[in-house]
Amino acid sequence: QTSRFAKEGYQEAYTGFVKSVTTKPVVGVGRYTSPDTMVRLIK
């Protein structure tokens, strides 16, 4: 989605559950440009 219709991290509400049901590494997107946001997602 373009920034006109969605901001950074707009997919988090949909992908947030995945880590709770698998031990395997998970990668996701959200047009992330802020390292602080990246760290938050990992932690």
All heavy atoms as atom14 arrays in JSON, in Angstrom:
{
  "sequence": "QTSRFAKEGYQEAYTGFVKSVTTKPVVGVGRYTSPDTMVRLIK",
  "atom14_mask": [
    [1, 1, 1, 1, 1, 1, 1, 1, 1, 0, 0, 0, 0, 0],
    [1, 1, 1, 1, 1, 1, 1, 0, 0, 0, 0, 0, 0, 0],
    [1, 1, 1, 1, 1, 1, 0, 0, 0, 0, 0, 0, 0, 0],
    [1, 1, 1, 1, 1, 1, 1, 1, 1, 1, 1, 0, 0, 0],
    [1, 1, 1, 1, 1, 1, 1, 1, 1, 1, 1, 0, 0, 0],
    [1, 1, 1, 1, 1, 0, 0, 0, 0, 0, 0, 0, 0, 0],
    [1, 1, 1, 1, 1, 1, 1, 1, 1, 0, 0, 0, 0, 0],
    [1, 1, 1, 1, 1, 1, 1, 1, 1, 0, 0, 0, 0, 0],
    [1, 1, 1, 1, 0, 0, 0, 0, 0, 0, 0, 0, 0, 0],
    [1, 1, 1, 1, 1, 1, 1, 1, 1, 1, 1, 1, 0, 0],
    [1, 1, 1, 1, 1, 1, 1, 1, 1, 0, 0, 0, 0, 0],
    [1, 1, 1, 1, 1, 1, 1, 1, 1, 0, 0, 0, 0, 0],
    [1, 1, 1, 1, 1, 0, 0, 0, 0, 0, 0, 0, 0, 0],
    [1, 1, 1, 1, 1, 1, 1, 1, 1, 1, 1, 1, 0, 0],
    [1, 1, 1, 1, 1, 1, 1, 0, 0, 0, 0, 0, 0, 0],
    [1, 1, 1, 1, 0, 0, 0, 0, 0, 0, 0, 0, 0, 0],
    [1, 1, 1, 1, 1, 1, 1, 1, 1, 1, 1, 0, 0, 0],
    [1, 1, 1, 1, 1, 1, 1, 0, 0, 0, 0, 0, 0, 0],
    [1, 1, 1, 1, 1, 1, 1, 1, 1, 0, 0, 0, 0, 0],
    [1, 1, 1, 1, 1, 1, 0, 0, 0, 0, 0, 0, 0, 0],
    [1, 1, 1, 1, 1, 1, 1, 0, 0, 0, 0, 0, 0, 0],
    [1, 1, 1, 1, 1, 1, 1, 0, 0, 0, 0, 0, 0, 0],
    [1, 1, 1, 1, 1, 1, 1, 0, 0, 0, 0, 0, 0, 0],
    [1, 1, 1, 1, 1, 1, 1, 1, 1, 0, 0, 0, 0, 0],
    [1, 1, 1, 1, 1, 1, 1, 0, 0, 0, 0, 0, 0, 0],
    [1, 1, 1, 1, 1, 1, 1, 0, 0, 0, 0, 0, 0, 0],
    [1, 1, 1, 1, 1, 1, 1, 0, 0, 0, 0, 0, 0, 0],
    [1, 1, 1, 1, 0, 0, 0, 0, 0, 0, 0, 0, 0, 0],
    [1, 1, 1, 1, 1, 1, 1, 0, 0, 0, 0, 0, 0, 0],
    [1, 1, 1, 1, 0, 0, 0, 0, 0, 0, 0, 0, 0, 0],
    [1, 1, 1, 1, 1, 1, 1, 1, 1, 1, 1, 0, 0, 0],
    [1, 1, 1, 1, 1, 1, 1, 1, 1, 1, 1, 1, 0, 0],
    [1, 1, 1, 1, 1, 1, 1, 0, 0, 0, 0, 0, 0, 0],
    [1, 1, 1, 1, 1, 1, 0, 0, 0, 0, 0, 0, 0, 0],
    [1, 1, 1, 1, 1, 1, 1, 0, 0, 0, 0, 0, 0, 0],
    [1, 1, 1, 1, 1, 1, 1, 1, 0, 0, 0, 0, 0, 0],
    [1, 1, 1, 1, 1, 1, 1, 0, 0, 0, 0, 0, 0, 0],
    [1, 1, 1, 1, 1, 1, 1, 1, 0, 0, 0, 0, 0, 0],
    [1, 1, 1, 1, 1, 1, 1, 0, 0, 0, 0, 0, 0, 0],
    [1, 1, 1, 1, 1, 1, 1, 1, 1, 1, 1, 0, 0, 0],
    [1, 1, 1, 1, 1, 1, 1, 1, 0, 0, 0, 0, 0, 0],
    [1, 1, 1, 1, 1, 1, 1, 1, 0, 0, 0, 0, 0, 0],
    [1, 1, 1, 1, 1, 1, 1, 1, 1, 0, 0, 0, 0, 0]
  ],
  "atom14_positions": [
    [[0.83, -1.2, 0.0], [0.0, 0.0, 0.0], [0.87, 1.26, 0.0], [1.94, 1.28, 0.61], [-0.92, 0.01, 1.21], [-1.95, -1.11, 1.21], [-2.86, -1.06, 2.43], [-3.39, -0.01, 2.77], [-3.04, -2.19, 3.09], [0.0, 0.0, 0.0], [0.0, 0.0, 0.0], [0.0, 0.0, 0.0], [0.0, 0.0, 0.0], [0.0, 0.0, 0.0]],
    [[0.39, 2.28, -0.67], [1.13, 3.54, -0.7], [0.97, 4.29, 0.62], [0.05, 4.02, 1.4], [0.64, 4.44, -1.84], [-0.74, 4.73, -1.64], [0.85, 3.77, -3.2], [0.0, 0.0, 0.0], [0.0, 0.0, 0.0], [0.0, 0.0, 0.0], [0.0, 0.0, 0.0], [0.0, 0.0, 0.0], [0.0, 0.0, 0.0], [0.0, 0.0, 0.0]],
    [[1.86, 5.25, 0.84], [1.8, 6.04, 2.07], [0.54, 6.9, 2.12], [0.14, 7.36, 3.19], [3.03, 6.93, 2.2], [3.17, 7.78, 1.07], [0.0, 0.0, 0.0], [0.0, 0.0, 0.0], [0.0, 0.0, 0.0], [0.0, 0.0, 0.0], [0.0, 0.0, 0.0], [0.0, 0.0, 0.0], [0.0, 0.0, 0.0], [0.0, 0.0, 0.0]],
    [[-0.1, 7.11, 0.99], [-1.37, 7.85, 0.97], [-2.45, 7.09, 1.72], [-3.38, 7.7, 2.28], [-1.8, 8.1, -0.48], [-3.09, 8.87, -0.64], [-3.4, 9.15, -2.09], [-4.73, 9.75, -2.26], [-5.29, 10.02, -3.42], [-4.62, 9.76, -4.55], [-6.49, 10.57, -3.5], [0.0, 0.0, 0.0], [0.0, 0.0, 0.0], [0.0, 0.0, 0.0]],
    [[-2.34, 5.77, 1.75], [-3.39, 4.95, 2.34], [-2.93, 4.13, 3.55], [-3.78, 3.57, 4.25], [-3.98, 4.02, 1.28], [-4.69, 4.74, 0.18], [-4.07, 5.01, -1.02], [-5.99, 5.2, 0.36], [-4.72, 5.7, -2.03], [-6.65, 5.89, -0.64], [-6.02, 6.15, -1.84], [0.0, 0.0, 0.0], [0.0, 0.0, 0.0], [0.0, 0.0, 0.0]],
    [[-1.62, 4.02, 3.79], [-1.15, 3.22, 4.92], [0.22, 3.72, 5.36], [1.06, 4.08, 4.53], [-1.06, 1.74, 4.53], [0.0, 0.0, 0.0], [0.0, 0.0, 0.0], [0.0, 0.0, 0.0], [0.0, 0.0, 0.0], [0.0, 0.0, 0.0], [0.0, 0.0, 0.0], [0.0, 0.0, 0.0], [0.0, 0.0, 0.0], [0.0, 0.0, 0.0]],
    [[0.45, 3.71, 6.65], [1.71, 4.2, 7.2], [2.62, 3.02, 7.58], [2.25, 1.86, 7.49], [1.45, 5.08, 8.42], [0.58, 6.29, 8.1], [1.14, 7.12, 6.94], [0.25, 8.3, 6.58], [0.75, 9.02, 5.37], [0.0, 0.0, 0.0], [0.0, 0.0, 0.0], [0.0, 0.0, 0.0], [0.0, 0.0, 0.0], [0.0, 0.0, 0.0]],
    [[3.84, 3.37, 8.03], [4.82, 2.36, 8.42], [4.22, 1.4, 9.44], [3.57, 1.81, 10.39], [6.06, 3.04, 9.01], [7.17, 2.07, 9.4], [8.32, 2.77, 10.1], [8.05, 3.58, 11.01], [9.48, 2.51, 9.75], [0.0, 0.0, 0.0], [0.0, 0.0, 0.0], [0.0, 0.0, 0.0], [0.0, 0.0, 0.0], [0.0, 0.0, 0.0]],
    [[4.45, 0.1, 9.2], [4.0, -0.91, 10.16], [2.56, -1.34, 10.02], [2.02, -2.0, 10.91], [0.0, 0.0, 0.0], [0.0, 0.0, 0.0], [0.0, 0.0, 0.0], [0.0, 0.0, 0.0], [0.0, 0.0, 0.0], [0.0, 0.0, 0.0], [0.0, 0.0, 0.0], [0.0, 0.0, 0.0], [0.0, 0.0, 0.0], [0.0, 0.0, 0.0]],
    [[1.92, -1.0, 8.9], [0.48, -1.27, 8.77], [0.13, -2.76, 8.76], [-1.03, -3.12, 8.95], [-0.07, -0.61, 7.51], [0.58, -1.06, 6.22], [0.08, -2.11, 5.48], [1.72, -0.41, 5.74], [0.68, -2.51, 4.31], [2.32, -0.81, 4.57], [1.81, -1.86, 3.85], [2.41, -2.26, 2.68], [0.0, 0.0, 0.0], [0.0, 0.0, 0.0]],
    [[1.11, -3.65, 8.57], [0.8, -5.08, 8.52], [0.91, -5.76, 9.88], [0.57, -6.93, 10.02], [1.73, -5.78, 7.53], [1.56, -5.3, 6.1], [2.02, -6.31, 5.07], [2.01, -7.51, 5.3], [2.41, -5.84, 3.91], [0.0, 0.0, 0.0], [0.0, 0.0, 0.0], [0.0, 0.0, 0.0], [0.0, 0.0, 0.0], [0.0, 0.0, 0.0]],
    [[1.38, -5.05, 10.89], [1.66, -5.68, 12.19], [0.43, -6.33, 12.81], [0.51, -7.39, 13.43], [2.25, -4.65, 13.16], [3.64, -4.21, 12.77], [4.19, -3.15, 13.72], [3.82, -3.16, 14.92], [4.99, -2.31, 13.26], [0.0, 0.0, 0.0], [0.0, 0.0, 0.0], [0.0, 0.0, 0.0], [0.0, 0.0, 0.0], [0.0, 0.0, 0.0]],
    [[-0.73, -5.71, 12.65], [-1.95, -6.26, 13.25], [-2.31, -7.61, 12.66], [-3.02, -8.41, 13.3], [-3.11, -5.28, 13.05], [0.0, 0.0, 0.0], [0.0, 0.0, 0.0], [0.0, 0.0, 0.0], [0.0, 0.0, 0.0], [0.0, 0.0, 0.0], [0.0, 0.0, 0.0], [0.0, 0.0, 0.0], [0.0, 0.0, 0.0], [0.0, 0.0, 0.0]],
    [[-1.82, -7.89, 11.46], [-2.16, -9.14, 10.78], [-1.09, -10.22, 10.97], [-1.4, -11.41, 10.99], [-2.36, -8.88, 9.29], [-3.4, -7.83, 9.0], [-3.04, -6.49, 8.78], [-4.75, -8.15, 8.97], [-4.0, -5.52, 8.53], [-5.72, -7.19, 8.72], [-5.33, -5.88, 8.5], [-6.29, -4.92, 8.26], [0.0, 0.0, 0.0], [0.0, 0.0, 0.0]],
    [[0.17, -9.82, 11.09], [1.26, -10.79, 11.16], [1.74, -11.07, 12.58], [2.57, -11.95, 12.79], [2.45, -10.3, 10.32], [2.91, -9.03, 10.83], [2.05, -10.13, 8.86], [0.0, 0.0, 0.0], [0.0, 0.0, 0.0], [0.0, 0.0, 0.0], [0.0, 0.0, 0.0], [0.0, 0.0, 0.0], [0.0, 0.0, 0.0], [0.0, 0.0, 0.0]],
    [[1.22, -10.34, 13.55], [1.73, -10.42, 14.91], [1.6, -11.79, 15.57], [2.36, -12.12, 16.48], [0.0, 0.0, 0.0], [0.0, 0.0, 0.0], [0.0, 0.0, 0.0], [0.0, 0.0, 0.0], [0.0, 0.0, 0.0], [0.0, 0.0, 0.0], [0.0, 0.0, 0.0], [0.0, 0.0, 0.0], [0.0, 0.0, 0.0], [0.0, 0.0, 0.0]],
    [[0.65, -12.6, 15.11], [0.41, -13.89, 15.78], [1.4, -14.97, 15.39], [1.54, -15.99, 16.09], [-1.0, -14.39, 15.43], [-1.11, -14.97, 14.04], [-0.95, -16.34, 13.83], [-1.35, -14.15, 12.95], [-1.04, -16.88, 12.55], [-1.45, -14.68, 11.67], [-1.29, -16.04, 11.46], [0.0, 0.0, 0.0], [0.0, 0.0, 0.0], [0.0, 0.0, 0.0]],
    [[2.12, -14.8, 14.28], [2.86, -15.92, 13.68], [3.91, -16.48, 14.62], [4.05, -17.7, 14.77], [3.49, -15.48, 12.34], [4.28, -16.64, 11.72], [2.41, -15.0, 11.37], [0.0, 0.0, 0.0], [0.0, 0.0, 0.0], [0.0, 0.0, 0.0], [0.0, 0.0, 0.0], [0.0, 0.0, 0.0], [0.0, 0.0, 0.0], [0.0, 0.0, 0.0]],
    [[4.66, -15.62, 15.3], [5.71, -16.1, 16.2], [5.17, -16.94, 17.34], [5.9, -17.78, 17.9], [6.49, -14.9, 16.77], [7.49, -14.29, 15.83], [8.69, -15.2, 15.59], [9.51, -15.39, 16.85], [10.6, -16.37, 16.65], [0.0, 0.0, 0.0], [0.0, 0.0, 0.0], [0.0, 0.0, 0.0], [0.0, 0.0, 0.0], [0.0, 0.0, 0.0]],
    [[3.9, -16.78, 17.66], [3.33, -17.54, 18.78], [3.01, -18.99, 18.41], [2.76, -19.8, 19.3], [2.06, -16.85, 19.29], [1.02, -16.94, 18.33], [0.0, 0.0, 0.0], [0.0, 0.0, 0.0], [0.0, 0.0, 0.0], [0.0, 0.0, 0.0], [0.0, 0.0, 0.0], [0.0, 0.0, 0.0], [0.0, 0.0, 0.0], [0.0, 0.0, 0.0]],
    [[3.04, -19.31, 17.11], [2.66, -20.67, 16.71], [3.78, -21.4, 15.97], [3.55, -22.5, 15.46], [1.38, -20.65, 15.84], [0.19, -20.19, 16.66], [1.54, -19.79, 14.59], [0.0, 0.0, 0.0], [0.0, 0.0, 0.0], [0.0, 0.0, 0.0], [0.0, 0.0, 0.0], [0.0, 0.0, 0.0], [0.0, 0.0, 0.0], [0.0, 0.0, 0.0]],
    [[4.98, -20.83, 15.92], [6.11, -21.53, 15.3], [7.4, -21.11, 15.99], [7.52, -19.99, 16.49], [6.23, -21.21, 13.8], [7.35, -21.9, 13.24], [6.38, -19.73, 13.54], [0.0, 0.0, 0.0], [0.0, 0.0, 0.0], [0.0, 0.0, 0.0], [0.0, 0.0, 0.0], [0.0, 0.0, 0.0], [0.0, 0.0, 0.0], [0.0, 0.0, 0.0]],
    [[8.35, -22.04, 16.02], [9.68, -21.71, 16.56], [10.63, -21.28, 15.46], [11.76, -20.88, 15.75], [10.28, -22.93, 17.28], [10.53, -23.98, 16.32], [9.36, -23.45, 18.36], [0.0, 0.0, 0.0], [0.0, 0.0, 0.0], [0.0, 0.0, 0.0], [0.0, 0.0, 0.0], [0.0, 0.0, 0.0], [0.0, 0.0, 0.0], [0.0, 0.0, 0.0]],
    [[10.19, -21.37, 14.21], [11.06, -21.03, 13.09], [11.13, -19.5, 12.91], [10.22, -18.77, 13.32], [10.54, -21.69, 11.82], [10.56, -23.22, 11.88], [11.96, -23.75, 12.16], [12.01, -25.24, 12.29], [11.92, -25.93, 11.01], [0.0, 0.0, 0.0], [0.0, 0.0, 0.0], [0.0, 0.0, 0.0], [0.0, 0.0, 0.0], [0.0, 0.0, 0.0]],
    [[12.21, -19.01, 12.31], [12.34, -17.56, 12.1], [11.19, -17.02, 11.26], [10.71, -17.68, 10.33], [13.68, -17.42, 11.37], [14.42, -18.67, 11.66], [13.4, -19.75, 11.83], [0.0, 0.0, 0.0], [0.0, 0.0, 0.0], [0.0, 0.0, 0.0], [0.0, 0.0, 0.0], [0.0, 0.0, 0.0], [0.0, 0.0, 0.0], [0.0, 0.0, 0.0]],
    [[10.8, -15.79, 11.56], [9.7, -15.13, 10.85], [10.21, -13.8, 10.3], [10.86, -13.02, 11.01], [8.5, -14.89, 11.79], [7.41, -14.09, 11.07], [7.96, -16.21, 12.3], [0.0, 0.0, 0.0], [0.0, 0.0, 0.0], [0.0, 0.0, 0.0], [0.0, 0.0, 0.0], [0.0, 0.0, 0.0], [0.0, 0.0, 0.0], [0.0, 0.0, 0.0]],
    [[9.89, -13.55, 9.04], [10.19, -12.26, 8.42], [8.88, -11.64, 7.94], [7.98, -12.35, 7.48], [11.19, -12.4, 7.25], [10.67, -13.32, 6.17], [11.54, -11.04, 6.66], [0.0, 0.0, 0.0], [0.0, 0.0, 0.0], [0.0, 0.0, 0.0], [0.0, 0.0, 0.0], [0.0, 0.0, 0.0], [0.0, 0.0, 0.0], [0.0, 0.0, 0.0]],
    [[8.76, -10.35, 8.1], [7.57, -9.63, 7.65], [7.95, -8.24, 7.2], [9.08, -7.78, 7.44], [0.0, 0.0, 0.0], [0.0, 0.0, 0.0], [0.0, 0.0, 0.0], [0.0, 0.0, 0.0], [0.0, 0.0, 0.0], [0.0, 0.0, 0.0], [0.0, 0.0, 0.0], [0.0, 0.0, 0.0], [0.0, 0.0, 0.0], [0.0, 0.0, 0.0]],
    [[7.01, -7.56, 6.56], [7.29, -6.24, 6.0], [6.29, -5.22, 6.54], [5.29, -5.57, 7.16], [7.22, -6.27, 4.46], [8.31, -7.16, 3.89], [5.85, -6.72, 3.98], [0.0, 0.0, 0.0], [0.0, 0.0, 0.0], [0.0, 0.0, 0.0], [0.0, 0.0, 0.0], [0.0, 0.0, 0.0], [0.0, 0.0, 0.0], [0.0, 0.0, 0.0]],
    [[6.56, -3.96, 6.26], [5.68, -2.87, 6.68], [6.25, -1.53, 6.28], [5.98, -0.52, 6.92], [0.0, 0.0, 0.0], [0.0, 0.0, 0.0], [0.0, 0.0, 0.0], [0.0, 0.0, 0.0], [0.0, 0.0, 0.0], [0.0, 0.0, 0.0], [0.0, 0.0, 0.0], [0.0, 0.0, 0.0], [0.0, 0.0, 0.0], [0.0, 0.0, 0.0]],
    [[7.09, -1.52, 5.23], [7.76, -0.31, 4.76], [8.53, 0.36, 5.9], [8.46, 1.57, 6.13], [6.75, 0.65, 4.12], [7.38, 1.62, 3.13], [6.37, 2.32, 2.25], [5.26, 2.9, 2.99], [5.33, 4.08, 3.63], [6.45, 4.77, 3.62], [4.27, 4.54, 4.26], [0.0, 0.0, 0.0], [0.0, 0.0, 0.0], [0.0, 0.0, 0.0]],
    [[9.32, -0.48, 6.61], [10.07, 0.0, 7.76], [11.33, 0.76, 7.34], [12.15, 0.25, 6.57], [10.47, -1.18, 8.66], [9.3, -1.93, 9.23], [9.05, -3.25, 8.88], [8.42, -1.31, 10.11], [7.97, -3.94, 9.4], [7.34, -1.99, 10.64], [7.11, -3.3, 10.28], [6.04, -3.98, 10.8], [0.0, 0.0, 0.0], [0.0, 0.0, 0.0]],
    [[11.48, 1.98, 7.84], [12.68, 2.77, 7.61], [13.33, 3.21, 8.92], [14.47, 3.67, 8.92], [12.37, 4.02, 6.78], [11.42, 4.83, 7.48], [11.79, 3.64, 5.41], [0.0, 0.0, 0.0], [0.0, 0.0, 0.0], [0.0, 0.0, 0.0], [0.0, 0.0, 0.0], [0.0, 0.0, 0.0], [0.0, 0.0, 0.0], [0.0, 0.0, 0.0]],
    [[12.62, 3.07, 10.04], [13.13, 3.52, 11.34], [13.81, 2.37, 12.07], [13.17, 1.35, 12.35], [11.99, 4.06, 12.19], [12.37, 4.14, 13.55], [0.0, 0.0, 0.0], [0.0, 0.0, 0.0], [0.0, 0.0, 0.0], [0.0, 0.0, 0.0], [0.0, 0.0, 0.0], [0.0, 0.0, 0.0], [0.0, 0.0, 0.0], [0.0, 0.0, 0.0]],
    [[15.09, 2.5, 12.43], [15.75, 1.43, 13.19], [15.13, 1.22, 14.57], [15.16, 0.1, 15.09], [17.2, 1.88, 13.28], [17.17, 3.35, 13.04], [16.02, 3.59, 12.11], [0.0, 0.0, 0.0], [0.0, 0.0, 0.0], [0.0, 0.0, 0.0], [0.0, 0.0, 0.0], [0.0, 0.0, 0.0], [0.0, 0.0, 0.0], [0.0, 0.0, 0.0]],
    [[14.57, 2.26, 15.16], [13.92, 2.1, 16.46], [12.71, 1.18, 16.34], [12.46, 0.34, 17.2], [13.49, 3.46, 17.0], [14.67, 4.35, 17.34], [15.64, 3.85, 17.91], [14.62, 5.55, 17.01], [0.0, 0.0, 0.0], [0.0, 0.0, 0.0], [0.0, 0.0, 0.0], [0.0, 0.0, 0.0], [0.0, 0.0, 0.0], [0.0, 0.0, 0.0]],
    [[11.94, 1.35, 15.25], [10.8, 0.46, 15.02], [11.28, -0.97, 14.79], [10.68, -1.92, 15.3], [10.0, 0.94, 13.8], [9.54, 2.27, 14.04], [8.81, 0.03, 13.54], [0.0, 0.0, 0.0], [0.0, 0.0, 0.0], [0.0, 0.0, 0.0], [0.0, 0.0, 0.0], [0.0, 0.0, 0.0], [0.0, 0.0, 0.0], [0.0, 0.0, 0.0]],
    [[12.36, -1.13, 14.06], [12.9, -2.46, 13.79], [13.29, -3.16, 15.1], [12.96, -4.34, 15.3], [14.12, -2.36, 12.87], [13.82, -1.78, 11.5], [15.36, -1.55, 10.55], [14.76, -0.59, 9.15], [0.0, 0.0, 0.0], [0.0, 0.0, 0.0], [0.0, 0.0, 0.0], [0.0, 0.0, 0.0], [0.0, 0.0, 0.0], [0.0, 0.0, 0.0]],
    [[13.97, -2.43, 15.96], [14.38, -3.01, 17.24], [13.15, -3.39, 18.06], [13.11, -4.47, 18.69], [15.26, -2.01, 18.02], [15.47, -2.48, 19.46], [16.6, -1.84, 17.32], [0.0, 0.0, 0.0], [0.0, 0.0, 0.0], [0.0, 0.0, 0.0], [0.0, 0.0, 0.0], [0.0, 0.0, 0.0], [0.0, 0.0, 0.0], [0.0, 0.0, 0.0]],
    [[12.14, -2.54, 18.07], [10.91, -2.85, 18.81], [10.29, -4.15, 18.33], [9.86, -4.98, 19.14], [9.92, -1.69, 18.66], [8.54, -1.98, 19.26], [7.58, -0.82, 19.08], [7.3, -0.51, 17.69], [6.43, -1.2, 16.93], [5.79, -2.24, 17.43], [6.22, -0.84, 15.68], [0.0, 0.0, 0.0], [0.0, 0.0, 0.0], [0.0, 0.0, 0.0]],
    [[10.24, -4.35, 17.02], [9.63, -5.56, 16.47], [10.39, -6.82, 16.88], [9.78, -7.86, 17.14], [9.57, -5.45, 14.95], [8.6, -4.4, 14.39], [8.88, -4.15, 12.91], [7.17, -4.84, 14.59], [0.0, 0.0, 0.0], [0.0, 0.0, 0.0], [0.0, 0.0, 0.0], [0.0, 0.0, 0.0], [0.0, 0.0, 0.0], [0.0, 0.0, 0.0]],
    [[11.71, -6.72, 16.91], [12.52, -7.87, 17.32], [12.33, -8.15, 18.81], [12.08, -9.29, 19.23], [14.01, -7.63, 17.01], [14.23, -7.36, 15.52], [14.84, -8.82, 17.47], [13.83, -8.47, 14.6], [0.0, 0.0, 0.0], [0.0, 0.0, 0.0], [0.0, 0.0, 0.0], [0.0, 0.0, 0.0], [0.0, 0.0, 0.0], [0.0, 0.0, 0.0]],
    [[12.4, -7.11, 19.61], [12.34, -7.31, 21.06], [10.98, -7.78, 21.54], [10.88, -8.53, 22.51], [12.73, -6.01, 21.78], [14.23, -5.71, 21.71], [14.59, -4.51, 22.56], [16.1, -4.33, 22.63], [16.48, -3.17, 23.48], [0.0, 0.0, 0.0], [0.0, 0.0, 0.0], [0.0, 0.0, 0.0], [0.0, 0.0, 0.0], [0.0, 0.0, 0.0]]
  ]
}
